[in-house]
PDB file of N, CA and C in Angstrom:
ATOM      1  N   MET A   1    -100.150 -38.061   4.236  1.00  0.00           N
ATOM      2  CA  MET A   1     -98.675 -38.240   4.047  1.00  0.00           C
ATOM      3  C   MET A   1     -98.173 -37.972   5.493  1.00  0.00           C
ATOM      4  N   ALA A   2     -98.927 -37.256   6.416  1.00  0.00           N
ATOM      5  CA  ALA A   2     -98.370 -37.031   7.841  1.00  0.00           C
ATOM      6  C   ALA A   2     -98.194 -38.467   8.331  1.00  0.00           C
ATOM      7  N   TRP A   3     -98.959 -39.367   8.252  1.00  0.00           N
ATOM      8  CA  TRP A   3     -98.890 -40.708   8.939  1.00  0.00           C
ATOM      9  C   TRP A   3     -97.821 -41.532   8.447  1.00  0.00           C
ATOM     10  N   VAL A   4     -97.210 -41.261   6.909  1.00  0.00           N
ATOM     11  CA  VAL A   4     -96.107 -41.516   6.526  1.00  0.00           C
ATOM     12  C   VAL A   4     -94.932 -41.304   7.235  1.00  0.00           C
ATOM     13  N   TRP A   5     -94.767 -39.923   7.281  1.00  0.00           N
ATOM     14  CA  TRP A   5     -93.914 -39.384   8.306  1.00  0.00           C
ATOM     15  C   TRP A   5     -93.570 -39.832   9.564  1.00  0.00           C
ATOM     16  N   LEU A   6     -94.657 -39.861  10.252  1.00  0.00           N
ATOM     17  CA  LEU A   6     -94.889 -40.625  11.525  1.00  0.00           C
ATOM     18  C   LEU A   6     -94.358 -42.020  11.655  1.00  0.00           C
ATOM     19  N   GLY A   7     -94.777 -42.753  10.657  1.00  0.00           N
ATOM     20  CA  GLY A   7     -94.062 -43.870  10.466  1.00  0.00           C
ATOM     21  C   GLY A   7     -92.666 -44.107  10.271  1.00  0.00           C
ATOM     22  N   LEU A   8     -92.044 -43.215   9.623  1.00  0.00           N
ATOM     23  CA  LEU A   8     -90.574 -43.056   9.533  1.00  0.00           C
ATOM     24  C   LEU A   8     -90.075 -42.776  10.789  1.00  0.00           C
ATOM     25  N   ALA A   9     -90.550 -41.458  11.515  1.00  0.00           N
ATOM     26  CA  ALA A   9     -90.135 -41.237  12.525  1.00  0.00           C
ATOM     27  C   ALA A   9     -90.383 -42.505  13.739  1.00  0.00           C
ATOM     28  N   ALA A  10     -91.143 -43.410  13.903  1.00  0.00           N
ATOM     29  CA  ALA A  10     -91.174 -44.730  14.529  1.00  0.00           C
ATOM     30  C   ALA A  10     -90.112 -45.562  14.069  1.00  0.00           C
ATOM     31  N   VAL A  11     -89.818 -45.553  12.974  1.00  0.00           N
ATOM     32  CA  VAL A  11     -88.776 -46.707  12.512  1.00  0.00           C
ATOM     33  C   VAL A  11     -87.389 -45.997  13.183  1.00  0.00           C
ATOM     34  N   PHE A  12     -87.055 -44.621  13.097  1.00  0.00           N
ATOM     35  CA  PHE A  12     -85.708 -44.422  13.777  1.00  0.00           C
ATOM     36  C   PHE A  12     -85.942 -44.339  15.246  1.00  0.00           C
ATOM     37  N   GLU A  13     -87.288 -44.113  15.928  1.00  0.00           N
ATOM     38  CA  GLU A  13     -87.083 -44.388  17.292  1.00  0.00           C
ATOM     39  C   GLU A  13     -86.879 -45.630  17.656  1.00  0.00           C
ATOM     40  N   VAL A  14     -87.211 -46.559  16.990  1.00  0.00           N
ATOM     41  CA  VAL A  14     -86.851 -47.958  17.252  1.00  0.00           C
ATOM     42  C   VAL A  14     -85.380 -48.329  17.202  1.00  0.00           C
ATOM     43  N   ILE A  15     -84.610 -47.638  15.707  1.00  0.00           N
ATOM     44  CA  ILE A  15     -83.234 -47.743  15.793  1.00  0.00           C
ATOM     45  C   ILE A  15     -82.372 -47.118  16.745  1.00  0.00           C
ATOM     46  N   PHE A  16     -83.079 -45.937  17.261  1.00  0.00           N
ATOM     47  CA  PHE A  16     -82.366 -45.312  18.155  1.00  0.00           C
ATOM     48  C   PHE A  16     -82.328 -46.060  19.639  1.00  0.00           C
ATOM     49  N   ALA A  17     -83.473 -46.607  19.819  1.00  0.00           N
ATOM     50  CA  ALA A  17     -83.448 -47.521  21.216  1.00  0.00           C
ATOM     51  C   ALA A  17     -82.614 -48.622  21.019  1.00  0.00           C
ATOM     52  N   LEU A  18     -82.680 -49.444  19.988  1.00  0.00           N
ATOM     53  CA  LEU A  18     -81.680 -50.397  19.895  1.00  0.00           C
ATOM     54  C   LEU A  18     -80.164 -49.944  19.964  1.00  0.00           C
ATOM     55  N   ALA A  19     -79.980 -49.050  19.027  1.00  0.00           N
ATOM     56  CA  ALA A  19     -78.764 -48.516  19.221  1.00  0.00           C
ATOM     57  C   ALA A  19     -78.134 -48.156  20.549  1.00  0.00           C
ATOM     58  N   MET A  20     -79.046 -47.542  21.386  1.00  0.00           N
ATOM     59  CA  MET A  20     -78.858 -47.305  22.739  1.00  0.00           C
ATOM     60  C   MET A  20     -78.241 -48.459  23.460  1.00  0.00           C
ATOM     61  N   LYS A  21     -79.009 -49.513  23.657  1.00  0.00           N
ATOM     62  CA  LYS A  21     -78.748 -50.865  24.207  1.00  0.00           C
ATOM     63  C   LYS A  21     -77.231 -51.070  23.599  1.00  0.00           C
ATOM     64  N   ALA A  22     -77.113 -51.109  22.552  1.00  0.00           N
ATOM     65  CA  ALA A  22     -75.855 -51.609  21.499  1.00  0.00           C
ATOM     66  C   ALA A  22     -74.817 -50.606  22.158  1.00  0.00           C
ATOM     67  N   SER A  23     -74.689 -49.562  22.250  1.00  0.00           N
ATOM     68  CA  SER A  23     -73.840 -48.801  22.629  1.00  0.00           C
ATOM     69  C   SER A  23     -73.160 -49.039  23.769  1.00  0.00           C
ATOM     70  N   ASN A  24     -73.907 -49.663  24.656  1.00  0.00           N
ATOM     71  CA  ASN A  24     -73.116 -50.138  26.036  1.00  0.00           C
ATOM     72  C   ASN A  24     -72.791 -48.855  26.759  1.00  0.00           C
ATOM     73  N   GLY A  25     -73.856 -47.905  27.073  1.00  0.00           N
ATOM     74  CA  GLY A  25     -73.554 -46.695  27.717  1.00  0.00           C
ATOM     75  C   GLY A  25     -72.686 -45.783  27.062  1.00  0.00           C
ATOM     76  N   PHE A  26     -72.802 -45.682  25.765  1.00  0.00           N
ATOM     77  CA  PHE A  26     -71.955 -44.885  24.879  1.00  0.00           C
ATOM     78  C   PHE A  26     -70.413 -45.078  24.810  1.00  0.00           C
ATOM     79  N   THR A  27     -70.148 -46.059  25.023  1.00  0.00           N
ATOM     80  CA  THR A  27     -68.644 -46.747  25.024  1.00  0.00           C
ATOM     81  C   THR A  27     -68.512 -47.442  23.713  1.00  0.00           C
ATOM     82  N   LYS A  28     -69.295 -47.653  23.060  1.00  0.00           N
ATOM     83  CA  LYS A  28     -68.891 -48.201  21.713  1.00  0.00           C
ATOM     84  C   LYS A  28     -69.172 -46.974  20.685  1.00  0.00           C
ATOM     85  N   PRO A  29     -68.052 -46.642  19.810  1.00  0.00           N
ATOM     86  CA  PRO A  29     -68.260 -45.299  19.249  1.00  0.00           C
ATOM     87  C   PRO A  29     -69.459 -45.516  17.913  1.00  0.00           C
ATOM     88  N   VAL A  30     -69.488 -46.703  17.049  1.00  0.00           N
ATOM     89  CA  VAL A  30     -70.460 -47.107  15.900  1.00  0.00           C
ATOM     90  C   VAL A  30     -71.589 -47.004  16.496  1.00  0.00           C
ATOM     91  N   PRO A  31     -72.238 -47.702  17.448  1.00  0.00           N
ATOM     92  CA  PRO A  31     -73.530 -47.669  18.166  1.00  0.00           C
ATOM     93  C   PRO A  31     -73.883 -46.288  18.624  1.00  0.00           C
ATOM     94  N   THR A  32     -73.084 -45.511  19.134  1.00  0.00           N
ATOM     95  CA  THR A  32     -73.062 -44.302  19.402  1.00  0.00           C
ATOM     96  C   THR A  32     -73.567 -43.282  18.434  1.00  0.00           C
ATOM     97  N   LEU A  33     -72.805 -43.237  17.414  1.00  0.00           N
ATOM     98  CA  LEU A  33     -73.080 -42.339  16.427  1.00  0.00           C
ATOM     99  C   LEU A  33     -74.403 -42.860  15.789  1.00  0.00           C
ATOM    100  N   VAL A  34     -74.814 -44.474  15.748  1.00  0.00           N
ATOM    101  CA  VAL A  34     -76.124 -44.548  15.214  1.00  0.00           C
ATOM    102  C   VAL A  34     -77.281 -43.855  15.977  1.00  0.00           C
ATOM    103  N   VAL A  35     -76.880 -43.787  17.294  1.00  0.00           N
ATOM    104  CA  VAL A  35     -77.937 -43.259  18.360  1.00  0.00           C
ATOM    105  C   VAL A  35     -78.208 -41.746  17.818  1.00  0.00           C
ATOM    106  N   ALA A  36     -77.149 -41.155  17.853  1.00  0.00           N
ATOM    107  CA  ALA A  36     -77.233 -39.439  17.419  1.00  0.00           C
ATOM    108  C   ALA A  36     -77.915 -39.496  16.267  1.00  0.00           C
ATOM    109  N   VAL A  37     -77.624 -39.906  14.889  1.00  0.00           N
ATOM    110  CA  VAL A  37     -78.139 -39.948  13.806  1.00  0.00           C
ATOM    111  C   VAL A  37     -79.854 -40.433  13.822  1.00  0.00           C
ATOM    112  N   ALA A  38     -79.831 -41.436  14.509  1.00  0.00           N
ATOM    113  CA  ALA A  38     -81.374 -42.026  14.532  1.00  0.00           C
ATOM    114  C   ALA A  38     -82.299 -41.096  15.261  1.00  0.00           C
ATOM    115  N   ALA A  39     -81.532 -40.760  16.349  1.00  0.00           N
ATOM    116  CA  ALA A  39     -82.449 -39.588  17.200  1.00  0.00           C
ATOM    117  C   ALA A  39     -82.805 -38.476  16.538  1.00  0.00           C
ATOM    118  N   GLY A  40     -81.631 -38.068  15.507  1.00  0.00           N
ATOM    119  CA  GLY A  40     -81.873 -36.583  14.951  1.00  0.00           C
ATOM    120  C   GLY A  40     -82.988 -36.867  13.773  1.00  0.00           C
ATOM    121  N   PHE A  41     -82.959 -37.846  13.020  1.00  0.00           N
ATOM    122  CA  PHE A  41     -83.913 -38.292  11.950  1.00  0.00           C
ATOM    123  C   PHE A  41     -85.235 -38.426  12.606  1.00  0.00           C
ATOM    124  N   GLY A  42     -85.285 -39.225  13.514  1.00  0.00           N
ATOM    125  CA  GLY A  42     -86.534 -39.396  14.205  1.00  0.00           C
ATOM    126  C   GLY A  42     -87.367 -38.376  14.830  1.00  0.00           C
ATOM    127  N   LEU A  43     -86.852 -37.222  15.158  1.00  0.00           N
ATOM    128  CA  LEU A  43     -87.167 -36.038  15.804  1.00  0.00           C
ATOM    129  C   LEU A  43     -87.764 -35.136  14.660  1.00  0.00           C
ATOM    130  N   TRP A  44     -86.825 -35.178  13.584  1.00  0.00           N
ATOM    131  CA  TRP A  44     -86.965 -34.480  12.384  1.00  0.00           C
ATOM    132  C   TRP A  44     -88.160 -35.063  11.757  1.00  0.00           C
ATOM    133  N   PHE A  45     -88.429 -36.172  11.346  1.00  0.00           N
ATOM    134  CA  PHE A  45     -89.585 -36.695  10.859  1.00  0.00           C
ATOM    135  C   PHE A  45     -90.748 -36.652  11.844  1.00  0.00           C
ATOM    136  N   LEU A  46     -90.724 -36.608  13.006  1.00  0.00           N
ATOM    137  CA  LEU A  46     -91.790 -36.579  13.908  1.00  0.00           C
ATOM    138  C   LEU A  46     -92.335 -34.985  13.791  1.00  0.00           C
ATOM    139  N   SER A  47     -91.497 -34.097  13.650  1.00  0.00           N
ATOM    140  CA  SER A  47     -91.658 -32.681  13.503  1.00  0.00           C
ATOM    141  C   SER A  47     -92.363 -32.476  12.198  1.00  0.00           C
ATOM    142  N   ILE A  48     -92.093 -33.048  11.055  1.00  0.00           N
ATOM    143  CA  ILE A  48     -92.730 -32.946   9.836  1.00  0.00           C
ATOM    144  C   ILE A  48     -94.343 -33.389  10.221  1.00  0.00           C
ATOM    145  N   ALA A  49     -94.207 -34.761  10.721  1.00  0.00           N
ATOM    146  CA  ALA A  49     -95.473 -35.119  10.724  1.00  0.00           C
ATOM    147  C   ALA A  49     -96.530 -34.066  11.654  1.00  0.00           C
ATOM    148  N   MET A  50     -95.925 -33.611  12.756  1.00  0.00           N
ATOM    149  CA  MET A  50     -96.831 -32.686  13.485  1.00  0.00           C
ATOM    150  C   MET A  50     -97.140 -31.248  12.894  1.00  0.00           C
ATOM    151  N   ARG A  51     -96.800 -31.308  11.660  1.00  0.00           N
ATOM    152  CA  ARG A  51     -97.368 -30.052  10.805  1.00  0.00           C
ATOM    153  C   ARG A  51     -98.649 -30.039  10.798  1.00  0.00           C
ATOM    154  N   THR A  52     -99.123 -31.320  10.506  1.00  0.00           N
ATOM    155  CA  THR A  52    -100.620 -31.474  10.315  1.00  0.00           C
ATOM    156  C   THR A  52    -101.304 -32.409  11.411  1.00  0.00           C
ATOM    157  N   LEU A  53    -100.463 -33.518  11.965  1.00  0.00           N
ATOM    158  CA  LEU A  53    -101.093 -34.006  13.033  1.00  0.00           C
ATOM    159  C   LEU A  53    -100.914 -33.332  14.332  1.00  0.00           C
ATOM    160  N   PRO A  54    -102.031 -33.264  15.408  1.00  0.00           N
ATOM    161  CA  PRO A  54    -101.821 -32.853  16.607  1.00  0.00           C
ATOM    162  C   PRO A  54    -100.991 -33.452  17.666  1.00  0.00           C
ATOM    163  N   VAL A  55    -100.230 -32.861  18.296  1.00  0.00           N
ATOM    164  CA  VAL A  55     -99.286 -33.239  19.249  1.00  0.00           C
ATOM    165  C   VAL A  55    -100.037 -34.178  20.080  1.00  0.00           C
ATOM    166  N   GLY A  56    -101.350 -34.344  20.524  1.00  0.00           N
ATOM    167  CA  GLY A  56    -101.846 -35.244  21.349  1.00  0.00           C
ATOM    168  C   GLY A  56    -102.076 -36.590  20.641  1.00  0.00           C
ATOM    169  N   VAL A  57    -101.719 -36.475  19.526  1.00  0.00           N
ATOM    170  CA  VAL A  57    -101.611 -37.921  18.425  1.00  0.00           C
ATOM    171  C   VAL A  57    -100.276 -38.283  17.896  1.00  0.00           C
ATOM    172  N   ALA A  58     -99.726 -37.259  17.385  1.00  0.00           N
ATOM    173  CA  ALA A  58     -98.593 -37.632  16.884  1.00  0.00           C
ATOM    174  C   ALA A  58     -97.540 -38.346  17.915  1.00  0.00           C
ATOM    175  N   TYR A  59     -97.280 -37.489  18.935  1.00  0.00           N
ATOM    176  CA  TYR A  59     -96.340 -37.783  19.904  1.00  0.00           C
ATOM    177  C   TYR A  59     -96.607 -39.500  20.771  1.00  0.00           C
ATOM    178  N   PRO A  60     -97.841 -39.502  21.014  1.00  0.00           N
ATOM    179  CA  PRO A  60     -97.990 -40.749  21.666  1.00  0.00           C
ATOM    180  C   PRO A  60     -98.013 -41.944  20.612  1.00  0.00           C
ATOM    181  N   VAL A  61     -98.285 -41.814  19.316  1.00  0.00           N
ATOM    182  CA  VAL A  61     -98.265 -42.748  18.431  1.00  0.00           C
ATOM    183  C   VAL A  61     -96.793 -43.158  18.502  1.00  0.00           C
ATOM    184  N   TRP A  62     -95.933 -41.614  18.181  1.00  0.00           N
ATOM    185  CA  TRP A  62     -94.626 -42.124  17.927  1.00  0.00           C
ATOM    186  C   TRP A  62     -93.949 -42.890  19.079  1.00  0.00           C
ATOM    187  N   VAL A  63     -94.196 -42.621  20.351  1.00  0.00           N
ATOM    188  CA  VAL A  63     -93.622 -43.244  21.351  1.00  0.00           C
ATOM    189  C   VAL A  63     -94.288 -44.792  21.523  1.00  0.00           C
ATOM    190  N   GLY A  64     -95.534 -44.858  21.170  1.00  0.00           N
ATOM    191  CA  GLY A  64     -96.055 -46.367  21.308  1.00  0.00           C
ATOM    192  C   GLY A  64     -95.565 -47.224  20.346  1.00  0.00           C
ATOM    193  N   LEU A  65     -95.478 -46.680  19.031  1.00  0.00           N
ATOM    194  CA  LEU A  65     -94.923 -47.703  17.881  1.00  0.00           C
ATOM    195  C   LEU A  65     -93.335 -47.759  18.233  1.00  0.00           C
ATOM    196  N   GLY A  66     -92.559 -46.757  18.850  1.00  0.00           N
ATOM    197  CA  GLY A  66     -91.294 -47.136  19.237  1.00  0.00           C
ATOM    198  C   GLY A  66     -91.215 -48.221  20.348  1.00  0.00           C
ATOM    199  N   ALA A  67     -92.175 -48.205  21.353  1.00  0.00           N
ATOM    200  CA  ALA A  67     -92.010 -49.012  22.308  1.00  0.00           C
ATOM    201  C   ALA A  67     -92.166 -50.564  21.970  1.00  0.00           C
ATOM    202  N   VAL A  68     -93.382 -50.507  20.986  1.00  0.00           N
ATOM    203  CA  VAL A  68     -93.635 -51.862  20.308  1.00  0.00           C
ATOM    204  C   VAL A  68     -92.378 -52.318  19.526  1.00  0.00           C
ATOM    205  N   GLY A  69     -91.849 -51.776  18.834  1.00  0.00           N
ATOM    206  CA  GLY A  69     -90.659 -51.893  17.949  1.00  0.00           C
ATOM    207  C   GLY A  69     -89.328 -52.302  18.938  1.00  0.00           C
ATOM    208  N   ALA A  70     -89.408 -51.597  20.114  1.00  0.00           N
ATOM    209  CA  ALA A  70     -88.273 -52.077  20.972  1.00  0.00           C
ATOM    210  C   ALA A  70     -88.388 -53.194  21.752  1.00  0.00           C
ATOM    211  N   VAL A  71     -89.548 -53.673  22.109  1.00  0.00           N
ATOM    212  CA  VAL A  71     -89.914 -54.988  22.590  1.00  0.00           C
ATOM    213  C   VAL A  71     -89.670 -56.106  21.554  1.00  0.00           C
ATOM    214  N   ALA A  72     -90.098 -55.979  20.349  1.00  0.00           N
ATOM    215  CA  ALA A  72     -90.082 -56.880  19.343  1.00  0.00           C
ATOM    216  C   ALA A  72     -88.776 -57.413  19.005  1.00  0.00           C
ATOM    217  N   PHE A  73     -87.789 -56.440  18.480  1.00  0.00           N
ATOM    218  CA  PHE A  73     -86.578 -56.240  18.232  1.00  0.00           C
ATOM    219  C   PHE A  73     -85.516 -56.481  19.334  1.00  0.00           C
ATOM    220  N   GLY A  74     -85.967 -56.124  20.708  1.00  0.00           N
ATOM    221  CA  GLY A  74     -85.316 -56.542  21.665  1.00  0.00           C
ATOM    222  C   GLY A  74     -85.110 -57.995  22.170  1.00  0.00           C
ATOM    223  N   ALA A  75     -86.185 -58.646  21.763  1.00  0.00           N
ATOM    224  CA  ALA A  75     -86.259 -60.153  21.845  1.00  0.00           C
ATOM    225  C   ALA A  75     -85.651 -60.799  20.831  1.00  0.00           C
ATOM    226  N   ILE A  76     -85.469 -60.242  19.490  1.00  0.00           N
ATOM    227  CA  ILE A  76     -85.035 -60.683  18.390  1.00  0.00           C
ATOM    228  C   ILE A  76     -83.488 -60.657  18.664  1.00  0.00           C
ATOM    229  N   LEU A  77     -83.179 -59.382  18.801  1.00  0.00           N
ATOM    230  CA  LEU A  77     -81.527 -59.165  18.603  1.00  0.00           C
ATOM    231  C   LEU A  77     -80.859 -59.183  19.856  1.00  0.00           C
ATOM    232  N   PHE A  78     -81.550 -59.095  21.156  1.00  0.00           N
ATOM    233  CA  PHE A  78     -80.936 -59.359  22.328  1.00  0.00           C
ATOM    234  C   PHE A  78     -81.335 -60.200  23.131  1.00  0.00           C
ATOM    235  N   GLY A  79     -82.204 -61.327  22.635  1.00  0.00           N
ATOM    236  CA  GLY A  79     -82.748 -62.162  23.334  1.00  0.00           C
ATOM    237  C   GLY A  79     -83.519 -62.020  24.571  1.00  0.00           C
ATOM    238  N   GLU A  80     -84.102 -60.991  24.646  1.00  0.00           N
ATOM    239  CA  GLU A  80     -84.810 -60.480  25.961  1.00  0.00           C
ATOM    240  C   GLU A  80     -86.184 -61.321  25.822  1.00  0.00           C
ATOM    241  N   GLN A  81     -86.472 -61.676  27.109  1.00  0.00           N
ATOM    242  CA  GLN A  81     -87.612 -62.523  27.262  1.00  0.00           C
ATOM    243  C   GLN A  81     -88.999 -61.799  26.751  1.00  0.00           C
ATOM    244  N   ILE A  82     -89.753 -62.646  26.435  1.00  0.00           N
ATOM    245  CA  ILE A  82     -91.282 -62.042  26.094  1.00  0.00           C
ATOM    246  C   ILE A  82     -92.183 -63.163  26.921  1.00  0.00           C
ATOM    247  N   SER A  83     -92.890 -62.374  27.912  1.00  0.00           N
ATOM    248  CA  SER A  83     -93.843 -62.968  28.850  1.00  0.00           C
ATOM    249  C   SER A  83     -95.242 -62.652  28.430  1.00  0.00           C
ATOM    250  N   PRO A  84     -95.973 -63.549  28.812  1.00  0.00           N
ATOM    251  CA  PRO A  84     -97.509 -63.348  28.285  1.00  0.00           C
ATOM    252  C   PRO A  84     -98.209 -61.911  28.953  1.00  0.00           C
ATOM    253  N   LEU A  85     -97.379 -61.265  30.223  1.00  0.00           N
ATOM    254  CA  LEU A  85     -97.850 -60.041  30.595  1.00  0.00           C
ATOM    255  C   LEU A  85     -97.209 -58.796  29.640  1.00  0.00           C
ATOM    256  N   LYS A  86     -96.056 -59.289  29.139  1.00  0.00           N
ATOM    257  CA  LYS A  86     -95.373 -58.314  28.125  1.00  0.00           C
ATOM    258  C   LYS A  86     -96.327 -58.395  26.581  1.00  0.00           C
ATOM    259  N   ILE A  87     -96.714 -59.718  26.226  1.00  0.00           N
ATOM    260  CA  ILE A  87     -97.195 -59.539  25.060  1.00  0.00           C
ATOM    261  C   ILE A  87     -98.761 -58.807  25.309  1.00  0.00           C
ATOM    262  N   ALA A  88     -99.401 -58.851  26.373  1.00  0.00           N
ATOM    263  CA  ALA A  88    -100.792 -58.222  26.822  1.00  0.00           C
ATOM    264  C   ALA A  88    -100.560 -56.641  26.939  1.00  0.00           C
ATOM    265  N   SER A  89     -99.254 -56.448  27.318  1.00  0.00           N
ATOM    266  CA  SER A  89     -99.016 -55.044  27.332  1.00  0.00           C
ATOM    267  C   SER A  89     -98.737 -54.404  26.049  1.00  0.00           C
ATOM    268  N   VAL A  90     -98.081 -55.048  25.253  1.00  0.00           N
ATOM    269  CA  VAL A  90     -97.812 -54.520  23.981  1.00  0.00           C
ATOM    270  C   VAL A  90     -99.264 -54.339  22.933  1.00  0.00           C
ATOM    271  N   ALA A  91    -100.243 -55.568  23.320  1.00  0.00           N
ATOM    272  CA  ALA A  91    -101.274 -55.339  22.840  1.00  0.00           C
ATOM    273  C   ALA A  91    -102.168 -54.190  23.167  1.00  0.00           C
ATOM    274  N   ALA A  92    -102.061 -53.657  24.267  1.00  0.00           N
ATOM    275  CA  ALA A  92    -102.621 -52.559  24.823  1.00  0.00           C
ATOM    276  C   ALA A  92    -101.918 -51.265  24.163  1.00  0.00           C
ATOM    277  N   ILE A  93    -100.732 -51.299  24.014  1.00  0.00           N
ATOM    278  CA  ILE A  93    -100.041 -50.219  23.400  1.00  0.00           C
ATOM    279  C   ILE A  93    -100.669 -49.917  21.817  1.00  0.00           C
ATOM    280  N   VAL A  94    -100.793 -51.295  21.169  1.00  0.00           N
ATOM    281  CA  VAL A  94    -101.317 -51.342  19.782  1.00  0.00           C
ATOM    282  C   VAL A  94    -102.862 -50.725  19.683  1.00  0.00           C
ATOM    283  N   ALA A  95    -103.434 -51.287  20.629  1.00  0.00           N
ATOM    284  CA  ALA A  95    -104.608 -50.915  20.790  1.00  0.00           C
ATOM    285  C   ALA A  95    -104.701 -49.041  20.764  1.00  0.00           C
ATOM    286  N   GLY A  96    -104.263 -48.828  21.836  1.00  0.00           N
ATOM    287  CA  GLY A  96    -104.118 -47.339  22.004  1.00  0.00           C
ATOM    288  C   GLY A  96    -103.624 -46.351  21.119  1.00  0.00           C
ATOM    289  N   VAL A  97    -102.641 -46.915  20.168  1.00  0.00           N
ATOM    290  CA  VAL A  97    -102.063 -46.311  18.986  1.00  0.00           C
ATOM    291  C   VAL A  97    -103.271 -46.373  17.693  1.00  0.00           C
ATOM    292  N   ALA A  98    -104.090 -47.516  17.686  1.00  0.00           N
ATOM    293  CA  ALA A  98    -104.915 -47.606  16.667  1.00  0.00           C
ATOM    294  C   ALA A  98    -106.228 -46.539  16.858  1.00  0.00           C
ATOM    295  N   GLY A  99    -106.439 -46.453  18.478  1.00  0.00           N
ATOM    296  CA  GLY A  99    -107.287 -45.693  18.829  1.00  0.00           C
ATOM    297  C   GLY A  99    -107.061 -44.297  18.534  1.00  0.00           C
ATOM    298  N   LEU A 100    -105.827 -43.707  18.858  1.00  0.00           N
ATOM    299  CA  LEU A 100    -105.546 -42.560  18.577  1.00  0.00           C
ATOM    300  C   LEU A 100    -105.547 -42.038  16.874  1.00  0.00           C
ATOM    301  N   LYS A 101    -105.002 -43.159  16.263  1.00  0.00           N
ATOM    302  CA  LYS A 101    -105.282 -43.100  14.890  1.00  0.00           C
ATOM    303  C   LYS A 101    -106.627 -42.719  14.251  1.00  0.00           C
ATOM    304  N   ILE A 102    -107.695 -43.742  14.796  1.00  0.00           N
ATOM    305  CA  ILE A 102    -109.174 -43.753  14.533  1.00  0.00           C
ATOM    306  C   ILE A 102    -109.535 -42.165  14.874  1.00  0.00           C
ATOM    307  N   ALA A 103    -109.123 -41.719  16.241  1.00  0.00           N
ATOM    308  CA  ALA A 103    -109.788 -40.488  16.732  1.00  0.00           C
ATOM    309  C   ALA A 103    -109.323 -39.571  16.123  1.00  0.00           C
ATOM    310  N   SER A 104    -108.131 -39.208  15.130  1.00  0.00           N
ATOM    311  CA  SER A 104    -107.580 -38.336  14.820  1.00  0.00           C
ATOM    312  C   SER A 104    -108.563 -37.845  13.504  1.00  0.00           C
ATOM    313  N   GLY A 105    -109.210 -38.889  12.794  1.00  0.00           N
ATOM    314  CA  GLY A 105    -110.082 -38.862  11.692  1.00  0.00           C
ATOM    315  C   GLY A 105    -109.287 -38.495  10.590  1.00  0.00           C
ATOM    316  N   SER A 106    -107.825 -39.009  10.704  1.00  0.00           N
ATOM    317  CA  SER A 106    -107.154 -38.786   9.390  1.00  0.00           C
ATOM    318  C   SER A 106    -106.591 -40.159   8.748  1.00  0.00           C
TER     319      SER A 106
END
């Protein structure tokens, strides 16, 4: 179940990052509110996952999945460029996240 909580935390991490961009430096009220709510839920779900997962697994996986989601949705929603180097870098993050999942033994 900890991995489900961690997955939810990662979803809110992506929402947080995208809303941060959309808030335009906290000058737009609705995206700014979404930043605060998503950050709160993301940290809450991460803390629940960390009840059983080690911090050396949970936190890097949360950050890694958040980064991958931010790259993907940044391209889709904000038209950010995807270069071959960016794709390779995302692949390295995914490999690292998978390695941490395997290393955790759960």
